[in-house]
C-alpha atoms as a PDB file:
ATOM      1  CA  MET A   1     -17.653   4.463   4.217  1.00  0.00           C
ATOM      2  CA  ASN A   2     -16.816   2.077   7.083  1.00  0.00           C
ATOM      3  CA  CYS A   3     -13.752  -0.064   7.777  1.00  0.00           C
ATOM      4  CA  LEU A   4     -14.262  -3.579   6.415  1.00  0.00           C
ATOM      5  CA  ASP A   5     -12.466  -5.196   9.385  1.00  0.00           C
ATOM      6  CA  CYS A   6     -14.051  -3.436  12.369  1.00  0.00           C
ATOM      7  CA  GLY A   7     -16.847  -1.249  11.000  1.00  0.00           C
ATOM      8  CA  ALA A   8     -15.333   2.012  12.264  1.00  0.00           C
ATOM      9  CA  PRO A   9     -16.762   5.023  10.408  1.00  0.00           C
ATOM     10  CA  ALA A  10     -13.414   6.869  10.317  1.00  0.00           C
ATOM     11  CA  VAL A  11     -11.727   5.463   7.204  1.00  0.00           C
ATOM     12  CA  VAL A  12      -8.231   6.686   6.300  1.00  0.00           C
ATOM     13  CA  GLY A  13      -7.784   4.932   2.954  1.00  0.00           C
ATOM     14  CA  VAL A  14      -8.547   2.136   0.535  1.00  0.00           C
ATOM     15  CA  CYS A  15      -6.438  -1.005   0.068  1.00  0.00           C
ATOM     16  CA  VAL A  16      -4.633  -0.915  -3.294  1.00  0.00           C
ATOM     17  CA  ASP A  17      -4.986  -4.686  -3.745  1.00  0.00           C
ATOM     18  CA  CYS A  18      -8.598  -5.513  -2.820  1.00  0.00           C
ATOM     19  CA  GLY A  19     -10.269  -2.093  -2.546  1.00  0.00           C
ATOM     20  CA  ALA A  20     -11.408  -2.534   1.060  1.00  0.00           C
ATOM     21  CA  ALA A  21     -11.844   0.596   3.170  1.00  0.00           C
ATOM     22  CA  VAL A  22      -9.478   0.582   6.159  1.00  0.00           C
ATOM     23  CA  CYS A  23      -9.315   2.569   9.395  1.00  0.00           C
ATOM     24  CA  ARG A  24      -6.180   3.795  11.155  1.00  0.00           C
ATOM     25  CA  ASP A  25      -5.943   0.567  13.219  1.00  0.00           C
ATOM     26  CA  HIS A  26      -6.104  -1.775  10.207  1.00  0.00           C
ATOM     27  CA  VAL A  27      -4.060   0.074   7.584  1.00  0.00           C
ATOM     28  CA  VAL A  28      -0.495  -0.925   6.680  1.00  0.00           C
ATOM     29  CA  VAL A  29       1.530   1.842   5.033  1.00  0.00           C
ATOM     30  CA  ALA A  30       4.415   0.595   2.892  1.00  0.00           C
ATOM     31  CA  GLU A  31       7.009   2.450   0.860  1.00  0.00           C
ATOM     32  CA  VAL A  32       7.332   1.800  -2.854  1.00  0.00           C
ATOM     33  CA  HIS A  33      10.541   2.880  -4.535  1.00  0.00           C
ATOM     34  CA  LEU A  34       9.678   3.996  -8.049  1.00  0.00           C
ATOM     35  CA  THR A  35      12.211   4.307 -10.850  1.00  0.00           C
ATOM     36  CA  ARG A  36      12.359   6.194 -14.106  1.00  0.00           C
ATOM     37  CA  THR A  37      14.297   5.411 -17.255  1.00  0.00           C
ATOM     38  CA  MET A  38      17.067   7.809 -18.173  1.00  0.00           C
ATOM     39  CA  PRO A  39      19.073   7.867 -21.426  1.00  0.00           C
ATOM     40  CA  ILE A  40      20.796   4.609 -22.359  1.00  0.00           C
ATOM     41  CA  ASN A  41      18.101   2.585 -20.486  1.00  0.00           C
ATOM     42  CA  ARG A  42      19.490   3.467 -17.068  1.00  0.00           C
ATOM     43  CA  GLN A  43      17.043   3.041 -14.149  1.00  0.00           C
ATOM     44  CA  VAL A  44      17.184   5.907 -11.641  1.00  0.00           C
ATOM     45  CA  PRO A  45      15.253   5.834  -8.339  1.00  0.00           C
ATOM     46  CA  VAL A  46      12.714   8.615  -7.818  1.00  0.00           C
ATOM     47  CA  GLN A  47      12.741  10.380  -4.458  1.00  0.00           C
ATOM     48  CA  PRO A  48      10.804  10.440  -2.200  1.00  0.00           C
ATOM     49  CA  ALA A  49       9.380   6.941  -2.052  1.00  0.00           C
ATOM     50  CA  ALA A  50       5.665   6.566  -2.794  1.00  0.00           C
ATOM     51  CA  ARG A  51       3.187   5.258  -0.226  1.00  0.00           C
ATOM     52  CA  ARG A  52       1.056   2.160  -0.697  1.00  0.00           C
ATOM     53  CA  LEU A  53      -1.885   1.422   1.622  1.00  0.00           C
ATOM     54  CA  ARG A  54      -2.877  -2.194   2.243  1.00  0.00           C
ATOM     55  CA  CYS A  55      -5.360  -3.890   4.543  1.00  0.00           C
ATOM     56  CA  THR A  56      -3.964  -6.393   7.059  1.00  0.00           C
ATOM     57  CA  VAL A  57      -5.173  -9.397   5.030  1.00  0.00           C
ATOM     58  CA  CYS A  58      -3.562  -8.275   1.765  1.00  0.00           C
ATOM     59  CA  ASN A  59      -0.379  -7.278   3.589  1.00  0.00           C
ATOM     60  CA  ALA A  60      -0.118 -10.752   5.155  1.00  0.00           C
ATOM     61  CA  ALA A  61      -0.633 -12.337   1.725  1.00  0.00           C
ATOM     62  CA  HIS A  62       1.992 -10.035   0.195  1.00  0.00           C
ATOM     63  CA  LEU A  63       4.514 -10.861   2.927  1.00  0.00           C
ATOM     64  CA  ALA A  64       3.855 -14.602   2.506  1.00  0.00           C
ATOM     65  CA  THR A  65       4.671 -14.429  -1.206  1.00  0.00           C
ATOM     66  CA  THR A  66       7.835 -12.346  -0.791  1.00  0.00           C
ATOM     67  CA  ARG A  67       9.555 -14.460   1.867  1.00  0.00           C
END
């Protein structure tokens, strides 16, 4: 599998949004803080935070919608 952006053969992951293969230079690693429901509908954060891999295009789109 090759990186969709530059064609490098060394791929480190797949974008969770679009499914594109990404190399080390084009991957964006973000933290996702998951929660679980405890008794009486109380939300408790789960540690450690999970990782989410995105390509640079999907990360730019995500940042544009969250600002």
